[in-house]
């Protein structure tokens, strides 16, 4: 089925408009995200609290985390290529993780892919350089694919009957 799509102009156009956002996130149950945010002094970064809904259901299984998130940046159609650049852009925040106040925090690179509902998410892989860069900060990669039909359809030609 993918071969047929590769030959179809509609699907080639779709691959061009599928978009990705990336950001670095650092946090934990006992992480002082506000203090980290002030020390990082990173433009357009945010502080969030995650896990509240799950915590209401079962506090023992769903802790509430305070999280610092870097600025969200647009990624290419090969988001693995953008991970190393994201980490380099956030080197000050990453260097703060050596401080005992924040050294135990979880850290991850988040990749949010927006795709057309009819196509479904597509796969991609990461090269050794990308994996090593994330491992060097003790991090992981979180991938979330979401339907963004309205935005993507703005860029596609109408599909012929």
N, C-alpha and C. Protein backbone atom coordinates (compact mmCIF):
# COMPACT_ATOMS: atom_id res chain seq x y z
N UNK A 1 0.83 -1.19 0.00
CA UNK A 1 0.00 0.00 0.00
C UNK A 1 0.87 1.26 0.00
N UNK A 2 1.98 1.25 0.74
CA UNK A 2 2.86 2.41 0.78
C UNK A 2 3.46 2.68 -0.60
N UNK A 3 3.73 1.64 -1.40
CA UNK A 3 4.28 1.81 -2.73
C UNK A 3 3.30 2.57 -3.62
N UNK A 4 2.04 2.21 -3.53
CA UNK A 4 1.02 2.91 -4.31
C UNK A 4 0.98 4.37 -3.89
N UNK A 5 1.05 4.63 -2.61
CA UNK A 5 1.01 6.01 -2.13
C UNK A 5 2.22 6.81 -2.61
N UNK A 6 3.38 6.18 -2.66
CA UNK A 6 4.58 6.88 -3.10
C UNK A 6 4.46 7.35 -4.53
N UNK A 7 3.66 6.66 -5.34
CA UNK A 7 3.47 7.03 -6.73
C UNK A 7 2.35 8.05 -6.91
N UNK A 8 1.59 8.32 -5.89
CA UNK A 8 0.45 9.21 -5.94
C UNK A 8 0.88 10.61 -5.51
N UNK A 9 0.65 11.61 -6.35
CA UNK A 9 1.05 12.99 -6.05
C UNK A 9 0.46 13.48 -4.74
N UNK A 10 -0.76 13.09 -4.43
CA UNK A 10 -1.42 13.49 -3.19
C UNK A 10 -0.57 13.08 -1.98
N UNK A 11 -0.09 11.86 -1.98
CA UNK A 11 0.68 11.36 -0.85
C UNK A 11 2.08 11.96 -0.82
N UNK A 12 2.67 12.24 -1.98
CA UNK A 12 3.97 12.93 -2.00
C UNK A 12 3.83 14.32 -1.41
N UNK A 13 2.72 15.00 -1.74
CA UNK A 13 2.47 16.32 -1.17
C UNK A 13 2.27 16.23 0.35
N UNK A 14 1.60 15.19 0.78
CA UNK A 14 1.37 15.00 2.21
C UNK A 14 2.69 14.88 2.95
N UNK A 15 3.63 14.12 2.42
CA UNK A 15 4.93 13.95 3.06
C UNK A 15 5.64 15.30 3.22
N UNK A 16 5.40 16.21 2.28
CA UNK A 16 6.04 17.52 2.35
C UNK A 16 5.47 18.38 3.46
N UNK A 17 4.19 18.21 3.79
CA UNK A 17 3.57 19.09 4.77
C UNK A 17 3.46 18.46 6.15
N UNK A 18 3.74 17.17 6.29
CA UNK A 18 3.76 16.58 7.62
C UNK A 18 4.79 17.37 8.43
N UNK A 19 4.42 17.79 9.61
CA UNK A 19 5.33 18.65 10.35
C UNK A 19 5.63 18.09 11.73
N UNK A 20 6.76 18.53 12.24
CA UNK A 20 7.22 18.07 13.55
C UNK A 20 7.61 19.26 14.41
N UNK A 21 7.39 19.13 15.70
CA UNK A 21 7.88 20.08 16.70
C UNK A 21 8.74 19.28 17.67
N UNK A 22 9.81 19.90 18.14
CA UNK A 22 10.68 19.26 19.10
C UNK A 22 10.90 20.18 20.29
N UNK A 23 11.09 19.59 21.45
CA UNK A 23 11.47 20.38 22.62
C UNK A 23 12.17 19.46 23.62
N UNK A 24 12.98 20.07 24.47
CA UNK A 24 13.65 19.36 25.54
C UNK A 24 12.82 19.54 26.80
N UNK A 25 12.59 18.46 27.52
CA UNK A 25 11.82 18.53 28.77
C UNK A 25 12.65 17.93 29.90
N UNK A 26 12.58 18.57 31.05
CA UNK A 26 13.30 18.12 32.25
C UNK A 26 12.34 18.24 33.41
N UNK A 27 12.22 17.17 34.21
CA UNK A 27 11.27 17.26 35.31
C UNK A 27 11.28 16.05 36.20
N UNK A 28 10.37 16.08 37.16
CA UNK A 28 10.24 14.98 38.09
C UNK A 28 9.26 15.32 39.20
N UNK A 29 9.01 14.33 40.02
CA UNK A 29 8.03 14.50 41.10
C UNK A 29 8.50 15.54 42.13
N UNK A 30 9.80 15.58 42.38
CA UNK A 30 10.34 16.52 43.37
C UNK A 30 11.27 17.54 42.71
N UNK A 31 11.06 17.79 41.45
CA UNK A 31 11.88 18.70 40.67
C UNK A 31 11.36 20.13 40.84
N UNK A 32 12.25 21.05 41.15
CA UNK A 32 11.87 22.46 41.31
C UNK A 32 11.99 23.14 39.94
N UNK A 33 10.93 23.00 39.15
CA UNK A 33 10.94 23.50 37.78
C UNK A 33 11.03 25.03 37.73
N UNK A 34 10.42 25.70 38.68
CA UNK A 34 10.45 27.18 38.68
C UNK A 34 11.87 27.69 38.92
N UNK A 35 12.56 27.10 39.86
CA UNK A 35 13.94 27.50 40.13
C UNK A 35 14.84 27.16 38.94
N UNK A 36 14.63 26.00 38.35
CA UNK A 36 15.41 25.60 37.17
C UNK A 36 15.14 26.59 36.03
N UNK A 37 13.90 26.95 35.85
CA UNK A 37 13.49 27.89 34.80
C UNK A 37 14.22 29.23 34.96
N UNK A 38 14.28 29.72 36.17
CA UNK A 38 14.98 30.97 36.43
C UNK A 38 16.47 30.85 36.15
N UNK A 39 17.07 29.75 36.54
CA UNK A 39 18.50 29.55 36.31
C UNK A 39 18.82 29.34 34.84
N UNK A 40 17.96 28.63 34.14
CA UNK A 40 18.20 28.38 32.72
C UNK A 40 18.06 29.66 31.91
N UNK A 41 17.14 30.53 32.33
CA UNK A 41 16.93 31.81 31.65
C UNK A 41 16.88 31.63 30.13
N UNK A 42 16.09 30.67 29.71
CA UNK A 42 15.98 30.31 28.30
C UNK A 42 14.73 30.96 27.70
N UNK A 43 14.90 31.73 26.62
CA UNK A 43 13.73 32.39 26.03
C UNK A 43 12.67 31.39 25.57
N UNK A 44 11.44 31.74 25.81
CA UNK A 44 10.27 30.97 25.37
C UNK A 44 10.17 29.57 25.98
N UNK A 45 10.90 29.32 27.05
CA UNK A 45 10.73 28.05 27.76
C UNK A 45 9.53 28.19 28.71
N UNK A 46 9.00 27.06 29.16
CA UNK A 46 7.82 27.09 30.02
C UNK A 46 7.97 26.11 31.17
N UNK A 47 7.14 26.29 32.16
CA UNK A 47 7.05 25.38 33.30
C UNK A 47 5.64 24.82 33.31
N UNK A 48 5.53 23.51 33.46
CA UNK A 48 4.22 22.86 33.47
C UNK A 48 4.13 21.86 34.62
N UNK A 49 2.92 21.52 34.94
CA UNK A 49 2.65 20.45 35.90
C UNK A 49 1.90 19.38 35.12
N UNK A 50 2.42 18.16 35.13
CA UNK A 50 1.78 17.08 34.38
C UNK A 50 1.39 15.94 35.33
N UNK A 51 0.38 15.18 34.92
CA UNK A 51 -0.04 14.01 35.68
C UNK A 51 -1.17 14.23 36.65
N UNK A 52 -1.76 15.41 36.65
CA UNK A 52 -2.80 15.71 37.64
C UNK A 52 -4.04 14.83 37.51
N UNK A 53 -4.47 14.58 36.26
CA UNK A 53 -5.67 13.74 36.07
C UNK A 53 -5.44 12.32 36.56
N UNK A 54 -4.32 11.73 36.19
CA UNK A 54 -4.02 10.38 36.65
C UNK A 54 -3.87 10.31 38.15
N UNK A 55 -3.28 11.35 38.73
CA UNK A 55 -3.08 11.41 40.17
C UNK A 55 -4.41 11.40 40.92
N UNK A 56 -5.43 12.02 40.35
CA UNK A 56 -6.75 12.02 40.97
C UNK A 56 -7.36 10.62 40.98
N UNK A 57 -7.02 9.82 39.97
CA UNK A 57 -7.55 8.46 39.87
C UNK A 57 -6.82 7.52 40.83
N UNK A 58 -5.48 7.58 40.78
CA UNK A 58 -4.69 6.69 41.63
C UNK A 58 -3.34 7.35 41.94
N UNK A 59 -3.26 8.07 43.05
CA UNK A 59 -2.04 8.80 43.39
C UNK A 59 -0.80 7.92 43.51
N UNK A 60 -0.97 6.65 43.86
CA UNK A 60 0.20 5.79 44.01
C UNK A 60 0.79 5.38 42.66
N UNK A 61 -0.01 5.39 41.62
CA UNK A 61 0.48 5.01 40.28
C UNK A 61 0.80 6.20 39.39
N UNK A 62 0.20 7.36 39.66
CA UNK A 62 0.35 8.52 38.79
C UNK A 62 0.82 9.74 39.59
N UNK A 63 2.11 9.90 39.71
CA UNK A 63 2.60 11.08 40.43
C UNK A 63 2.43 12.35 39.60
N UNK A 64 2.41 13.46 40.27
CA UNK A 64 2.37 14.76 39.60
C UNK A 64 3.82 15.23 39.45
N UNK A 65 4.16 15.65 38.24
CA UNK A 65 5.52 16.11 37.96
C UNK A 65 5.50 17.58 37.60
N UNK A 66 6.52 18.28 38.07
CA UNK A 66 6.78 19.63 37.60
C UNK A 66 7.84 19.50 36.51
N UNK A 67 7.59 20.16 35.38
CA UNK A 67 8.44 19.99 34.21
C UNK A 67 8.82 21.33 33.61
N UNK A 68 10.09 21.45 33.25
CA UNK A 68 10.57 22.59 32.46
C UNK A 68 10.63 22.13 31.01
N UNK A 69 10.10 22.94 30.10
CA UNK A 69 10.16 22.62 28.67
C UNK A 69 10.85 23.76 27.94
N UNK A 70 11.78 23.40 27.07
CA UNK A 70 12.44 24.40 26.24
C UNK A 70 11.44 24.96 25.23
N UNK A 71 11.87 25.95 24.52
CA UNK A 71 11.07 26.47 23.41
C UNK A 71 10.81 25.34 22.42
N UNK A 72 9.61 25.28 21.89
CA UNK A 72 9.29 24.30 20.85
C UNK A 72 9.81 24.83 19.53
N UNK A 73 10.54 23.96 18.82
CA UNK A 73 11.10 24.36 17.54
C UNK A 73 10.54 23.47 16.43
N UNK A 74 10.43 24.03 15.25
CA UNK A 74 9.97 23.26 14.11
C UNK A 74 11.06 22.30 13.67
N UNK A 75 10.64 21.10 13.32
CA UNK A 75 11.59 20.11 12.85
C UNK A 75 11.41 19.85 11.37
N UNK A 76 12.39 19.21 10.81
CA UNK A 76 12.31 18.83 9.40
C UNK A 76 11.48 17.56 9.27
N UNK A 77 11.36 17.04 8.07
CA UNK A 77 10.62 15.80 7.87
C UNK A 77 11.42 14.58 8.34
N UNK A 78 12.64 14.80 8.75
CA UNK A 78 13.47 13.78 9.39
C UNK A 78 13.85 14.32 10.76
N UNK A 79 12.97 14.23 11.75
CA UNK A 79 13.19 14.90 13.03
C UNK A 79 14.44 14.45 13.78
N UNK A 80 14.93 13.27 13.49
CA UNK A 80 16.16 12.83 14.13
C UNK A 80 17.31 13.77 13.84
N UNK A 81 17.30 14.37 12.65
CA UNK A 81 18.35 15.31 12.27
C UNK A 81 18.32 16.56 13.13
N UNK A 82 17.19 16.87 13.73
CA UNK A 82 17.03 18.10 14.49
C UNK A 82 17.33 17.94 15.98
N UNK A 83 17.43 16.71 16.45
CA UNK A 83 17.62 16.47 17.88
C UNK A 83 18.96 17.03 18.37
N UNK A 84 20.03 16.79 17.65
CA UNK A 84 21.35 17.27 18.06
C UNK A 84 21.36 18.80 18.12
N UNK A 85 20.73 19.45 17.14
CA UNK A 85 20.65 20.91 17.14
C UNK A 85 19.85 21.42 18.34
N UNK A 86 18.77 20.73 18.68
CA UNK A 86 17.96 21.10 19.83
C UNK A 86 18.78 21.03 21.11
N UNK A 87 19.54 19.96 21.27
CA UNK A 87 20.37 19.81 22.46
C UNK A 87 21.44 20.89 22.52
N UNK A 88 22.05 21.20 21.40
CA UNK A 88 23.07 22.25 21.36
C UNK A 88 22.47 23.61 21.74
N UNK A 89 21.26 23.88 21.26
CA UNK A 89 20.60 25.14 21.56
C UNK A 89 20.23 25.27 23.04
N UNK A 90 20.15 24.14 23.72
CA UNK A 90 19.79 24.13 25.14
C UNK A 90 20.94 23.70 26.03
N UNK A 91 22.15 23.97 25.58
CA UNK A 91 23.35 23.52 26.33
C UNK A 91 23.43 24.13 27.73
N UNK A 92 22.97 25.37 27.89
CA UNK A 92 23.00 25.98 29.23
C UNK A 92 22.10 25.21 30.19
N UNK A 93 20.88 24.91 29.75
CA UNK A 93 19.96 24.16 30.61
C UNK A 93 20.53 22.77 30.92
N UNK A 94 21.12 22.14 29.92
CA UNK A 94 21.69 20.81 30.12
C UNK A 94 22.85 20.87 31.12
N UNK A 95 23.66 21.93 31.05
CA UNK A 95 24.79 22.05 31.98
C UNK A 95 24.31 22.19 33.42
N UNK A 96 23.12 22.74 33.62
CA UNK A 96 22.57 22.89 34.97
C UNK A 96 22.27 21.54 35.62
N UNK A 97 22.14 20.50 34.82
CA UNK A 97 21.82 19.18 35.37
C UNK A 97 22.95 18.59 36.20
N UNK A 98 24.13 19.21 36.16
CA UNK A 98 25.25 18.77 37.00
C UNK A 98 25.04 19.21 38.45
N UNK A 99 24.21 20.21 38.65
CA UNK A 99 23.92 20.72 39.99
C UNK A 99 23.13 19.66 40.75
N UNK A 100 23.53 19.34 41.98
CA UNK A 100 22.82 18.30 42.75
C UNK A 100 21.32 18.54 42.91
N UNK A 101 20.89 19.80 42.85
CA UNK A 101 19.46 20.09 42.99
C UNK A 101 18.65 19.50 41.84
N UNK A 102 19.30 19.35 40.67
CA UNK A 102 18.57 18.93 39.49
C UNK A 102 19.14 17.68 38.82
N UNK A 103 20.20 17.14 39.38
CA UNK A 103 20.88 16.02 38.71
C UNK A 103 20.02 14.75 38.61
N UNK A 104 19.05 14.59 39.51
CA UNK A 104 18.21 13.40 39.49
C UNK A 104 16.97 13.52 38.62
N UNK A 105 16.82 14.65 37.96
CA UNK A 105 15.62 14.88 37.15
C UNK A 105 15.61 14.01 35.89
N UNK A 106 14.43 13.62 35.50
CA UNK A 106 14.26 12.93 34.22
C UNK A 106 14.41 13.96 33.11
N UNK A 107 14.94 13.53 31.97
CA UNK A 107 15.07 14.44 30.84
C UNK A 107 14.78 13.69 29.56
N UNK A 108 14.08 14.35 28.67
CA UNK A 108 13.73 13.71 27.41
C UNK A 108 13.58 14.73 26.30
N UNK A 109 13.82 14.26 25.10
CA UNK A 109 13.55 15.04 23.91
C UNK A 109 12.18 14.61 23.44
N UNK A 110 11.29 15.56 23.31
CA UNK A 110 9.93 15.26 22.84
C UNK A 110 9.82 15.64 21.37
N UNK A 111 9.28 14.73 20.59
CA UNK A 111 9.03 14.98 19.18
C UNK A 111 7.53 14.81 18.97
N UNK A 112 6.88 15.88 18.53
CA UNK A 112 5.44 15.84 18.27
C UNK A 112 5.27 15.91 16.76
N UNK A 113 4.71 14.86 16.19
CA UNK A 113 4.46 14.82 14.75
C UNK A 113 2.99 15.06 14.47
N UNK A 114 2.72 15.90 13.51
CA UNK A 114 1.34 16.20 13.12
C UNK A 114 1.11 15.55 11.76
N UNK A 115 0.08 14.74 11.65
CA UNK A 115 -0.16 13.99 10.42
C UNK A 115 -1.63 14.03 10.04
N UNK A 116 -1.91 13.67 8.81
CA UNK A 116 -3.27 13.59 8.31
C UNK A 116 -3.91 12.28 8.76
N UNK A 117 -5.11 12.35 9.25
CA UNK A 117 -5.81 11.19 9.81
C UNK A 117 -5.87 10.01 8.84
N UNK A 118 -6.11 10.27 7.56
CA UNK A 118 -6.23 9.19 6.57
C UNK A 118 -4.93 8.42 6.39
N UNK A 119 -3.80 9.07 6.58
CA UNK A 119 -2.50 8.44 6.34
C UNK A 119 -1.99 7.69 7.56
N UNK A 120 -2.24 8.20 8.72
CA UNK A 120 -1.69 7.61 9.93
C UNK A 120 -0.25 8.05 10.10
N UNK A 121 0.30 7.86 11.29
CA UNK A 121 1.69 8.28 11.52
C UNK A 121 2.66 7.40 10.74
N UNK A 122 3.79 7.98 10.38
CA UNK A 122 4.81 7.22 9.69
C UNK A 122 5.98 6.99 10.64
N UNK A 123 6.78 6.03 10.33
CA UNK A 123 7.92 5.74 11.17
C UNK A 123 9.15 6.51 10.74
N UNK A 124 10.10 6.59 11.62
CA UNK A 124 11.40 7.14 11.31
C UNK A 124 12.39 6.55 12.29
N UNK A 125 13.67 6.70 11.99
CA UNK A 125 14.68 6.12 12.86
C UNK A 125 15.72 7.18 13.20
N UNK A 126 16.57 6.86 14.14
CA UNK A 126 17.61 7.78 14.60
C UNK A 126 18.97 7.16 14.37
N UNK A 127 19.92 7.98 13.91
CA UNK A 127 21.27 7.48 13.68
C UNK A 127 22.04 7.45 14.99
N UNK A 128 23.23 6.89 14.94
CA UNK A 128 24.06 6.72 16.14
C UNK A 128 24.39 8.07 16.79
N UNK A 129 24.66 9.08 15.98
CA UNK A 129 24.99 10.41 16.52
C UNK A 129 23.85 10.95 17.37
N UNK A 130 22.63 10.80 16.88
CA UNK A 130 21.45 11.28 17.61
C UNK A 130 21.26 10.51 18.90
N UNK A 131 21.33 9.20 18.82
CA UNK A 131 21.14 8.36 20.01
C UNK A 131 22.21 8.66 21.05
N UNK A 132 23.45 8.81 20.62
CA UNK A 132 24.54 9.11 21.55
C UNK A 132 24.38 10.49 22.19
N UNK A 133 23.90 11.47 21.44
CA UNK A 133 23.69 12.81 21.99
C UNK A 133 22.64 12.80 23.10
N UNK A 134 21.56 12.06 22.87
CA UNK A 134 20.50 11.97 23.89
C UNK A 134 21.00 11.16 25.10
N UNK A 135 21.73 10.08 24.84
CA UNK A 135 22.27 9.26 25.93
C UNK A 135 23.28 10.05 26.76
N UNK A 136 24.02 10.94 26.13
CA UNK A 136 25.04 11.72 26.84
C UNK A 136 24.44 12.62 27.92
N UNK A 137 23.19 13.02 27.76
CA UNK A 137 22.54 13.83 28.80
C UNK A 137 21.70 12.96 29.73
N UNK A 138 21.77 11.64 29.55
CA UNK A 138 20.97 10.73 30.37
C UNK A 138 19.50 10.80 30.02
N UNK A 139 19.21 11.11 28.77
CA UNK A 139 17.84 11.33 28.36
C UNK A 139 17.23 10.21 27.55
N UNK A 140 16.01 10.42 27.18
CA UNK A 140 15.27 9.49 26.33
C UNK A 140 14.56 10.30 25.26
N UNK A 141 13.92 9.61 24.34
CA UNK A 141 13.16 10.26 23.28
C UNK A 141 11.70 9.86 23.43
N UNK A 142 10.82 10.85 23.47
CA UNK A 142 9.39 10.60 23.55
C UNK A 142 8.78 11.07 22.23
N UNK A 143 8.03 10.23 21.59
CA UNK A 143 7.41 10.58 20.31
C UNK A 143 5.90 10.54 20.48
N UNK A 144 5.25 11.60 20.07
CA UNK A 144 3.80 11.69 20.14
C UNK A 144 3.31 12.12 18.77
N UNK A 145 2.47 11.32 18.14
CA UNK A 145 1.93 11.64 16.83
C UNK A 145 0.47 12.04 17.00
N UNK A 146 0.11 13.18 16.45
CA UNK A 146 -1.25 13.70 16.60
C UNK A 146 -1.83 14.09 15.25
N UNK A 147 -3.12 13.97 15.13
CA UNK A 147 -3.81 14.35 13.90
C UNK A 147 -3.94 15.87 13.87
N UNK A 148 -3.57 16.45 12.77
CA UNK A 148 -3.66 17.90 12.59
C UNK A 148 -4.27 18.15 11.21
N UNK A 149 -5.45 17.60 11.02
CA UNK A 149 -6.09 17.58 9.71
C UNK A 149 -6.31 18.97 9.13
N UNK A 150 -6.83 19.89 9.90
CA UNK A 150 -7.15 21.21 9.37
C UNK A 150 -5.91 21.91 8.84
N UNK A 151 -4.84 21.87 9.60
CA UNK A 151 -3.62 22.56 9.18
C UNK A 151 -3.01 21.91 7.94
N UNK A 152 -2.95 20.61 7.92
CA UNK A 152 -2.33 19.92 6.79
C UNK A 152 -3.17 20.07 5.53
N UNK A 153 -4.48 20.01 5.65
CA UNK A 153 -5.34 20.12 4.47
C UNK A 153 -5.23 21.47 3.78
N UNK A 154 -4.82 22.49 4.52
CA UNK A 154 -4.65 23.81 3.92
C UNK A 154 -3.57 23.77 2.83
N UNK A 155 -2.64 22.86 2.93
CA UNK A 155 -1.49 22.83 2.04
C UNK A 155 -1.60 21.82 0.92
N UNK A 156 -2.64 21.02 0.93
CA UNK A 156 -2.78 19.97 -0.08
C UNK A 156 -3.74 20.37 -1.19
N UNK A 157 -3.44 19.93 -2.41
CA UNK A 157 -4.42 20.14 -3.47
C UNK A 157 -5.63 19.25 -3.21
N UNK A 158 -6.77 19.62 -3.71
CA UNK A 158 -7.94 18.78 -3.50
C UNK A 158 -7.71 17.44 -4.21
N UNK A 159 -8.19 16.39 -3.59
CA UNK A 159 -7.97 15.04 -4.12
C UNK A 159 -8.96 14.80 -5.26
N UNK A 160 -8.42 14.36 -6.38
CA UNK A 160 -9.27 14.09 -7.56
C UNK A 160 -10.18 12.90 -7.28
N UNK A 161 -11.41 12.93 -7.81
CA UNK A 161 -12.36 11.81 -7.54
C UNK A 161 -11.92 10.53 -8.20
